[in-house]
Amino acid sequence: MLKMLEKSREEGRAEVIAEVLTELVQEDFLSIEKAAAKANMTVEQFAKVMKEILEEKEWFLDRISLPGNPRKLTPEEIEQLEKEGRV
């Protein structure tokens, strides 16, 4: 049981580190190559993780910014959402 908790804690730390490194890359404070090295990943692996983190962040921001008073979308808005794969 203790090993499971330790593993879970390590995975949580790795996730937080990846999120922080992603923010630093996005804000041009760190290159993706250096971020990948700090995460002990290849650039390709880190790019994949970074993409997942950014997609989750976009989904979260979409969810928390939902209007309190929903309105009907225009056909153009629906079409754009469909193109983005968000509908």
PDB file of N, CA and C in Angstrom:
ATOM      1  N   MET A   1       0.822  -1.194   0.000  1.00  0.00           N
ATOM      2  CA  MET A   1       0.000   0.000   0.000  1.00  0.00           C
ATOM      3  C   MET A   1       0.867   1.258   0.000  1.00  0.00           C
ATOM      4  N   LEU A   2       1.932   1.241   0.795  1.00  0.00           N
ATOM      5  CA  LEU A   2       2.822   2.387   0.870  1.00  0.00           C
ATOM      6  C   LEU A   2       3.503   2.643  -0.468  1.00  0.00           C
ATOM      7  N   LYS A   3       3.877   1.573  -1.171  1.00  0.00           N
ATOM      8  CA  LYS A   3       4.523   1.731  -2.486  1.00  0.00           C
ATOM      9  C   LYS A   3       3.556   2.355  -3.486  1.00  0.00           C
ATOM     10  N   MET A   4       2.273   1.987  -3.399  1.00  0.00           N
ATOM     11  CA  MET A   4       1.277   2.580  -4.295  1.00  0.00           C
ATOM     12  C   MET A   4       1.151   4.077  -4.039  1.00  0.00           C
ATOM     13  N   LEU A   5       1.163   4.466  -2.769  1.00  0.00           N
ATOM     14  CA  LEU A   5       1.076   5.888  -2.438  1.00  0.00           C
ATOM     15  C   LEU A   5       2.300   6.645  -2.934  1.00  0.00           C
ATOM     16  N   GLU A   6       3.472   6.047  -2.765  1.00  0.00           N
ATOM     17  CA  GLU A   6       4.699   6.678  -3.234  1.00  0.00           C
ATOM     18  C   GLU A   6       4.685   6.834  -4.750  1.00  0.00           C
ATOM     19  N   LYS A   7       4.218   5.796  -5.459  1.00  0.00           N
ATOM     20  CA  LYS A   7       4.146   5.863  -6.918  1.00  0.00           C
ATOM     21  C   LYS A   7       3.172   6.957  -7.355  1.00  0.00           C
ATOM     22  N   SER A   8       2.036   7.029  -6.689  1.00  0.00           N
ATOM     23  CA  SER A   8       1.043   8.048  -7.011  1.00  0.00           C
ATOM     24  C   SER A   8       1.607   9.443  -6.767  1.00  0.00           C
ATOM     25  N   ARG A   9       2.328   9.605  -5.677  1.00  0.00           N
ATOM     26  CA  ARG A   9       2.946  10.887  -5.357  1.00  0.00           C
ATOM     27  C   ARG A   9       3.975  11.278  -6.415  1.00  0.00           C
ATOM     28  N   GLU A  10       4.785  10.309  -6.847  1.00  0.00           N
ATOM     29  CA  GLU A  10       5.797  10.569  -7.881  1.00  0.00           C
ATOM     30  C   GLU A  10       5.143  10.971  -9.197  1.00  0.00           C
ATOM     31  N   GLU A  11       4.053  10.276  -9.561  1.00  0.00           N
ATOM     32  CA  GLU A  11       3.346  10.607 -10.798  1.00  0.00           C
ATOM     33  C   GLU A  11       2.758  12.007 -10.722  1.00  0.00           C
ATOM     34  N   GLY A  12       2.234  12.374  -9.555  1.00  0.00           N
ATOM     35  CA  GLY A  12       1.688  13.713  -9.364  1.00  0.00           C
ATOM     36  C   GLY A  12       2.758  14.779  -9.511  1.00  0.00           C
ATOM     37  N   ARG A  13       3.929  14.509  -8.933  1.00  0.00           N
ATOM     38  CA  ARG A  13       5.041  15.454  -9.053  1.00  0.00           C
ATOM     39  C   ARG A  13       5.468  15.607 -10.512  1.00  0.00           C
ATOM     40  N   ALA A  14       5.568  14.491 -11.212  1.00  0.00           N
ATOM     41  CA  ALA A  14       5.977  14.532 -12.625  1.00  0.00           C
ATOM     42  C   ALA A  14       4.976  15.333 -13.447  1.00  0.00           C
ATOM     43  N   GLU A  15       3.700  15.178 -13.134  1.00  0.00           N
ATOM     44  CA  GLU A  15       2.666  15.921 -13.864  1.00  0.00           C
ATOM     45  C   GLU A  15       2.780  17.421 -13.603  1.00  0.00           C
ATOM     46  N   VAL A  16       3.009  17.788 -12.348  1.00  0.00           N
ATOM     47  CA  VAL A  16       3.159  19.207 -12.008  1.00  0.00           C
ATOM     48  C   VAL A  16       4.397  19.785 -12.683  1.00  0.00           C
ATOM     49  N   ILE A  17       5.486  19.040 -12.666  1.00  0.00           N
ATOM     50  CA  ILE A  17       6.720  19.495 -13.313  1.00  0.00           C
ATOM     51  C   ILE A  17       6.475  19.709 -14.808  1.00  0.00           C
ATOM     52  N   ALA A  18       5.779  18.768 -15.454  1.00  0.00           N
ATOM     53  CA  ALA A  18       5.489  18.897 -16.887  1.00  0.00           C
ATOM     54  C   ALA A  18       4.623  20.122 -17.150  1.00  0.00           C
ATOM     55  N   GLU A  19       3.661  20.398 -16.260  1.00  0.00           N
ATOM     56  CA  GLU A  19       2.804  21.570 -16.433  1.00  0.00           C
ATOM     57  C   GLU A  19       3.611  22.865 -16.300  1.00  0.00           C
ATOM     58  N   VAL A  20       4.499  22.917 -15.327  1.00  0.00           N
ATOM     59  CA  VAL A  20       5.326  24.112 -15.139  1.00  0.00           C
ATOM     60  C   VAL A  20       6.264  24.303 -16.334  1.00  0.00           C
ATOM     61  N   LEU A  21       6.892  23.222 -16.774  1.00  0.00           N
ATOM     62  CA  LEU A  21       7.786  23.317 -17.930  1.00  0.00           C
ATOM     63  C   LEU A  21       7.019  23.761 -19.178  1.00  0.00           C
ATOM     64  N   THR A  22       5.807  23.270 -19.338  1.00  0.00           N
ATOM     65  CA  THR A  22       4.973  23.672 -20.474  1.00  0.00           C
ATOM     66  C   THR A  22       4.709  25.176 -20.435  1.00  0.00           C
ATOM     67  N   GLU A  23       4.360  25.693 -19.258  1.00  0.00           N
ATOM     68  CA  GLU A  23       4.137  27.135 -19.124  1.00  0.00           C
ATOM     69  C   GLU A  23       5.393  27.923 -19.484  1.00  0.00           C
ATOM     70  N   LEU A  24       6.549  27.448 -19.021  1.00  0.00           N
ATOM     71  CA  LEU A  24       7.801  28.147 -19.313  1.00  0.00           C
ATOM     72  C   LEU A  24       8.112  28.145 -20.810  1.00  0.00           C
ATOM     73  N   VAL A  25       7.813  27.033 -21.476  1.00  0.00           N
ATOM     74  CA  VAL A  25       8.030  26.970 -22.925  1.00  0.00           C
ATOM     75  C   VAL A  25       7.054  27.914 -23.634  1.00  0.00           C
ATOM     76  N   GLN A  26       5.795  27.896 -23.208  1.00  0.00           N
ATOM     77  CA  GLN A  26       4.778  28.749 -23.828  1.00  0.00           C
ATOM     78  C   GLN A  26       5.109  30.226 -23.686  1.00  0.00           C
ATOM     79  N   GLU A  27       5.735  30.598 -22.575  1.00  0.00           N
ATOM     80  CA  GLU A  27       6.063  31.997 -22.326  1.00  0.00           C
ATOM     81  C   GLU A  27       7.470  32.364 -22.814  1.00  0.00           C
ATOM     82  N   ASP A  28       8.096  31.447 -23.565  1.00  0.00           N
ATOM     83  CA  ASP A  28       9.431  31.667 -24.147  1.00  0.00           C
ATOM     84  C   ASP A  28      10.534  31.905 -23.113  1.00  0.00           C
ATOM     85  N   PHE A  29      10.365  31.345 -21.923  1.00  0.00           N
ATOM     86  CA  PHE A  29      11.420  31.411 -20.911  1.00  0.00           C
ATOM     87  C   PHE A  29      12.365  30.222 -21.031  1.00  0.00           C
ATOM     88  N   LEU A  30      11.906  29.178 -21.726  1.00  0.00           N
ATOM     89  CA  LEU A  30      12.665  27.934 -21.822  1.00  0.00           C
ATOM     90  C   LEU A  30      12.399  27.311 -23.186  1.00  0.00           C
ATOM     91  N   SER A  31      13.436  26.767 -23.791  1.00  0.00           N
ATOM     92  CA  SER A  31      13.233  26.092 -25.082  1.00  0.00           C
ATOM     93  C   SER A  31      12.623  24.722 -24.831  1.00  0.00           C
ATOM     94  N   ILE A  32      11.959  24.198 -25.841  1.00  0.00           N
ATOM     95  CA  ILE A  32      11.352  22.881 -25.697  1.00  0.00           C
ATOM     96  C   ILE A  32      12.429  21.809 -25.509  1.00  0.00           C
ATOM     97  N   GLU A  33      13.598  22.025 -26.082  1.00  0.00           N
ATOM     98  CA  GLU A  33      14.699  21.068 -25.925  1.00  0.00           C
ATOM     99  C   GLU A  33      15.165  21.015 -24.477  1.00  0.00           C
ATOM    100  N   LYS A  34      15.322  22.173 -23.855  1.00  0.00           N
ATOM    101  CA  LYS A  34      15.750  22.212 -22.453  1.00  0.00           C
ATOM    102  C   LYS A  34      14.658  21.669 -21.533  1.00  0.00           C
ATOM    103  N   ALA A  35      13.417  21.990 -21.842  1.00  0.00           N
ATOM    104  CA  ALA A  35      12.306  21.487 -21.029  1.00  0.00           C
ATOM    105  C   ALA A  35      12.242  19.960 -21.104  1.00  0.00           C
ATOM    106  N   ALA A  36      12.411  19.417 -22.298  1.00  0.00           N
ATOM    107  CA  ALA A  36      12.397  17.962 -22.467  1.00  0.00           C
ATOM    108  C   ALA A  36      13.527  17.318 -21.668  1.00  0.00           C
ATOM    109  N   ALA A  37      14.697  17.935 -21.716  1.00  0.00           N
ATOM    110  CA  ALA A  37      15.837  17.401 -20.973  1.00  0.00           C
ATOM    111  C   ALA A  37      15.564  17.425 -19.470  1.00  0.00           C
ATOM    112  N   LYS A  38      14.975  18.505 -18.966  1.00  0.00           N
ATOM    113  CA  LYS A  38      14.667  18.603 -17.539  1.00  0.00           C
ATOM    114  C   LYS A  38      13.607  17.580 -17.126  1.00  0.00           C
ATOM    115  N   ALA A  39      12.737  17.217 -18.059  1.00  0.00           N
ATOM    116  CA  ALA A  39      11.699  16.223 -17.781  1.00  0.00           C
ATOM    117  C   ALA A  39      12.181  14.800 -18.064  1.00  0.00           C
ATOM    118  N   ASN A  40      13.446  14.676 -18.451  1.00  0.00           N
ATOM    119  CA  ASN A  40      14.020  13.361 -18.800  1.00  0.00           C
ATOM    120  C   ASN A  40      13.228  12.685 -19.917  1.00  0.00           C
ATOM    121  N   MET A  41      12.905  13.465 -20.947  1.00  0.00           N
ATOM    122  CA  MET A  41      12.158  12.961 -22.101  1.00  0.00           C
ATOM    123  C   MET A  41      12.857  13.404 -23.366  1.00  0.00           C
ATOM    124  N   THR A  42      12.485  12.754 -24.474  1.00  0.00           N
ATOM    125  CA  THR A  42      12.923  13.255 -25.768  1.00  0.00           C
ATOM    126  C   THR A  42      12.047  14.462 -26.105  1.00  0.00           C
ATOM    127  N   VAL A  43      12.472  15.237 -27.077  1.00  0.00           N
ATOM    128  CA  VAL A  43      11.680  16.398 -27.495  1.00  0.00           C
ATOM    129  C   VAL A  43      10.310  15.928 -27.992  1.00  0.00           C
ATOM    130  N   GLU A  44      10.292  14.823 -28.729  1.00  0.00           N
ATOM    131  CA  GLU A  44       9.020  14.299 -29.251  1.00  0.00           C
ATOM    132  C   GLU A  44       8.082  13.900 -28.113  1.00  0.00           C
ATOM    133  N   GLN A  45       8.635  13.217 -27.102  1.00  0.00           N
ATOM    134  CA  GLN A  45       7.806  12.803 -25.966  1.00  0.00           C
ATOM    135  C   GLN A  45       7.260  14.022 -25.231  1.00  0.00           C
ATOM    136  N   PHE A  46       8.132  14.998 -24.994  1.00  0.00           N
ATOM    137  CA  PHE A  46       7.687  16.187 -24.266  1.00  0.00           C
ATOM    138  C   PHE A  46       6.668  16.970 -25.079  1.00  0.00           C
ATOM    139  N   ALA A  47       6.857  17.058 -26.391  1.00  0.00           N
ATOM    140  CA  ALA A  47       5.896  17.769 -27.246  1.00  0.00           C
ATOM    141  C   ALA A  47       4.515  17.124 -27.147  1.00  0.00           C
ATOM    142  N   LYS A  48       4.475  15.804 -27.087  1.00  0.00           N
ATOM    143  CA  LYS A  48       3.199  15.093 -26.957  1.00  0.00           C
ATOM    144  C   LYS A  48       2.550  15.403 -25.608  1.00  0.00           C
ATOM    145  N   VAL A  49       3.345  15.351 -24.544  1.00  0.00           N
ATOM    146  CA  VAL A  49       2.832  15.660 -23.204  1.00  0.00           C
ATOM    147  C   VAL A  49       2.352  17.109 -23.149  1.00  0.00           C
ATOM    148  N   MET A  50       3.137  17.994 -23.739  1.00  0.00           N
ATOM    149  CA  MET A  50       2.794  19.411 -23.758  1.00  0.00           C
ATOM    150  C   MET A  50       1.475  19.640 -24.484  1.00  0.00           C
ATOM    151  N   LYS A  51       1.286  18.965 -25.607  1.00  0.00           N
ATOM    152  CA  LYS A  51       0.035  19.088 -26.368  1.00  0.00           C
ATOM    153  C   LYS A  51      -1.154  18.638 -25.517  1.00  0.00           C
ATOM    154  N   GLU A  52      -0.995  17.521 -24.811  1.00  0.00           N
ATOM    155  CA  GLU A  52      -2.071  17.020 -23.953  1.00  0.00           C
ATOM    156  C   GLU A  52      -2.394  18.008 -22.837  1.00  0.00           C
ATOM    157  N   ILE A  53      -1.360  18.565 -22.232  1.00  0.00           N
ATOM    158  CA  ILE A  53      -1.561  19.537 -21.152  1.00  0.00           C
ATOM    159  C   ILE A  53      -2.310  20.762 -21.670  1.00  0.00           C
ATOM    160  N   LEU A  54      -1.899  21.263 -22.830  1.00  0.00           N
ATOM    161  CA  LEU A  54      -2.542  22.457 -23.394  1.00  0.00           C
ATOM    162  C   LEU A  54      -3.984  22.178 -23.794  1.00  0.00           C
ATOM    163  N   GLU A  55      -4.267  20.970 -24.295  1.00  0.00           N
ATOM    164  CA  GLU A  55      -5.648  20.612 -24.642  1.00  0.00           C
ATOM    165  C   GLU A  55      -6.511  20.540 -23.386  1.00  0.00           C
ATOM    166  N   GLU A  56      -5.965  19.955 -22.311  1.00  0.00           N
ATOM    167  CA  GLU A  56      -6.709  19.883 -21.057  1.00  0.00           C
ATOM    168  C   GLU A  56      -6.967  21.285 -20.502  1.00  0.00           C
ATOM    169  N   LYS A  57      -5.963  22.135 -20.603  1.00  0.00           N
ATOM    170  CA  LYS A  57      -6.103  23.508 -20.109  1.00  0.00           C
ATOM    171  C   LYS A  57      -7.178  24.241 -20.906  1.00  0.00           C
ATOM    172  N   GLU A  58      -7.180  24.075 -22.234  1.00  0.00           N
ATOM    173  CA  GLU A  58      -8.190  24.725 -23.076  1.00  0.00           C
ATOM    174  C   GLU A  58      -9.585  24.244 -22.712  1.00  0.00           C
ATOM    175  N   TRP A  59      -9.723  22.928 -22.502  1.00  0.00           N
ATOM    176  CA  TRP A  59     -11.023  22.364 -22.128  1.00  0.00           C
ATOM    177  C   TRP A  59     -11.471  22.956 -20.797  1.00  0.00           C
ATOM    178  N   PHE A  60     -10.561  23.010 -19.825  1.00  0.00           N
ATOM    179  CA  PHE A  60     -10.894  23.544 -18.505  1.00  0.00           C
ATOM    180  C   PHE A  60     -11.320  25.004 -18.600  1.00  0.00           C
ATOM    181  N   LEU A  61     -10.561  25.797 -19.340  1.00  0.00           N
ATOM    182  CA  LEU A  61     -10.903  27.208 -19.469  1.00  0.00           C
ATOM    183  C   LEU A  61     -12.243  27.393 -20.175  1.00  0.00           C
ATOM    184  N   ASP A  62     -12.522  26.548 -21.160  1.00  0.00           N
ATOM    185  CA  ASP A  62     -13.828  26.600 -21.817  1.00  0.00           C
ATOM    186  C   ASP A  62     -14.939  26.314 -20.821  1.00  0.00           C
ATOM    187  N   ARG A  63     -14.719  25.316 -19.964  1.00  0.00           N
ATOM    188  CA  ARG A  63     -15.751  24.913 -19.009  1.00  0.00           C
ATOM    189  C   ARG A  63     -16.007  25.993 -17.960  1.00  0.00           C
ATOM    190  N   ILE A  64     -14.961  26.616 -17.441  1.00  0.00           N
ATOM    191  CA  ILE A  64     -15.178  27.602 -16.382  1.00  0.00           C
ATOM    192  C   ILE A  64     -15.660  28.940 -16.922  1.00  0.00           C
ATOM    193  N   SER A  65     -15.522  29.143 -18.217  1.00  0.00           N
ATOM    194  CA  SER A  65     -15.950  30.422 -18.775  1.00  0.00           C
ATOM    195  C   SER A  65     -17.328  30.331 -19.434  1.00  0.00           C
ATOM    196  N   LEU A  66     -18.033  29.238 -19.177  1.00  0.00           N
ATOM    197  CA  LEU A  66     -19.377  29.128 -19.736  1.00  0.00           C
ATOM    198  C   LEU A  66     -20.251  30.255 -19.193  1.00  0.00           C
ATOM    199  N   PRO A  67     -21.068  30.840 -20.029  1.00  0.00           N
ATOM    200  CA  PRO A  67     -21.915  31.933 -19.543  1.00  0.00           C
ATOM    201  C   PRO A  67     -22.988  31.422 -18.591  1.00  0.00           C
ATOM    202  N   GLY A  68     -23.329  32.255 -17.632  1.00  0.00           N
ATOM    203  CA  GLY A  68     -24.388  31.903 -16.688  1.00  0.00           C
ATOM    204  C   GLY A  68     -25.758  31.926 -17.339  1.00  0.00           C
ATOM    205  N   ASN A  69     -25.864  32.654 -18.433  1.00  0.00           N
ATOM    206  CA  ASN A  69     -27.117  32.765 -19.154  1.00  0.00           C
ATOM    207  C   ASN A  69     -26.856  32.325 -20.594  1.00  0.00           C
ATOM    208  N   PRO A  70     -27.009  31.027 -20.876  1.00  0.00           N
ATOM    209  CA  PRO A  70     -26.663  30.531 -22.219  1.00  0.00           C
ATOM    210  C   PRO A  70     -27.482  31.212 -23.314  1.00  0.00           C
ATOM    211  N   ARG A  71     -26.874  31.317 -24.475  1.00  0.00           N
ATOM    212  CA  ARG A  71     -27.573  31.879 -25.630  1.00  0.00           C
ATOM    213  C   ARG A  71     -27.456  30.887 -26.777  1.00  0.00           C
ATOM    214  N   LYS A  72     -28.336  31.012 -27.727  1.00  0.00           N
ATOM    215  CA  LYS A  72     -28.320  30.154 -28.897  1.00  0.00           C
ATOM    216  C   LYS A  72     -27.160  30.557 -29.807  1.00  0.00           C
ATOM    217  N   LEU A  73     -26.401  29.549 -30.261  1.00  0.00           N
ATOM    218  CA  LEU A  73     -25.281  29.812 -31.157  1.00  0.00           C
ATOM    219  C   LEU A  73     -25.782  30.096 -32.564  1.00  0.00           C
ATOM    220  N   THR A  74     -25.043  30.944 -33.251  1.00  0.00           N
ATOM    221  CA  THR A  74     -25.370  31.224 -34.644  1.00  0.00           C
ATOM    222  C   THR A  74     -24.872  30.046 -35.498  1.00  0.00           C
ATOM    223  N   PRO A  75     -25.406  29.890 -36.696  1.00  0.00           N
ATOM    224  CA  PRO A  75     -24.920  28.824 -37.581  1.00  0.00           C
ATOM    225  C   PRO A  75     -23.416  28.926 -37.844  1.00  0.00           C
ATOM    226  N   GLU A  76     -22.916  30.155 -37.929  1.00  0.00           N
ATOM    227  CA  GLU A  76     -21.479  30.344 -38.161  1.00  0.00           C
ATOM    228  C   GLU A  76     -20.659  29.852 -36.963  1.00  0.00           C
ATOM    229  N   GLU A  77     -21.140  30.135 -35.761  1.00  0.00           N
ATOM    230  CA  GLU A  77     -20.442  29.678 -34.554  1.00  0.00           C
ATOM    231  C   GLU A  77     -20.450  28.157 -34.468  1.00  0.00           C
ATOM    232  N   ILE A  78     -21.564  27.558 -34.807  1.00  0.00           N
ATOM    233  CA  ILE A  78     -21.667  26.096 -34.792  1.00  0.00           C
ATOM    234  C   ILE A  78     -20.702  25.491 -35.802  1.00  0.00           C
ATOM    235  N   GLU A  79     -20.664  26.073 -36.992  1.00  0.00           N
ATOM    236  CA  GLU A  79     -19.758  25.588 -38.036  1.00  0.00           C
ATOM    237  C   GLU A  79     -18.300  25.674 -37.577  1.00  0.00           C
ATOM    238  N   GLN A  80     -17.930  26.802 -36.950  1.00  0.00           N
ATOM    239  CA  GLN A  80     -16.558  26.969 -36.466  1.00  0.00           C
ATOM    240  C   GLN A  80     -16.235  25.932 -35.378  1.00  0.00           C
ATOM    241  N   LEU A  81     -17.152  25.717 -34.469  1.00  0.00           N
ATOM    242  CA  LEU A  81     -16.934  24.725 -33.403  1.00  0.00           C
ATOM    243  C   LEU A  81     -16.786  23.327 -33.978  1.00  0.00           C
ATOM    244  N   GLU A  82     -17.565  23.023 -35.002  1.00  0.00           N
ATOM    245  CA  GLU A  82     -17.458  21.723 -35.657  1.00  0.00           C
ATOM    246  C   GLU A  82     -16.108  21.561 -36.333  1.00  0.00           C
ATOM    247  N   LYS A  83     -15.610  22.615 -36.977  1.00  0.00           N
ATOM    248  CA  LYS A  83     -14.292  22.569 -37.610  1.00  0.00           C
ATOM    249  C   LYS A  83     -13.196  22.313 -36.595  1.00  0.00           C
ATOM    250  N   GLU A  84     -13.359  22.897 -35.393  1.00  0.00           N
ATOM    251  CA  GLU A  84     -12.372  22.748 -34.326  1.00  0.00           C
ATOM    252  C   GLU A  84     -12.539  21.417 -33.596  1.00  0.00           C
ATOM    253  N   GLY A  85     -13.587  20.674 -33.910  1.00  0.00           N
ATOM    254  CA  GLY A  85     -13.835  19.400 -33.250  1.00  0.00           C
ATOM    255  C   GLY A  85     -14.339  19.548 -31.817  1.00  0.00           C
ATOM    256  N   ARG A  86     -14.952  20.671 -31.522  1.00  0.00           N
ATOM    257  CA  ARG A  86     -15.414  20.926 -30.167  1.00  0.00           C
ATOM    258  C   ARG A  86     -16.917  20.693 -29.998  1.00  0.00           C
ATOM    259  N   VAL A  87     -17.583  20.206 -31.039  1.00  0.00           N
ATOM    260  CA  VAL A  87     -19.003  19.906 -30.949  1.00  0.00           C
ATOM    261  C   VAL A  87     -19.206  18.457 -31.282  1.00  0.00           C
TER     262      VAL A  87
END
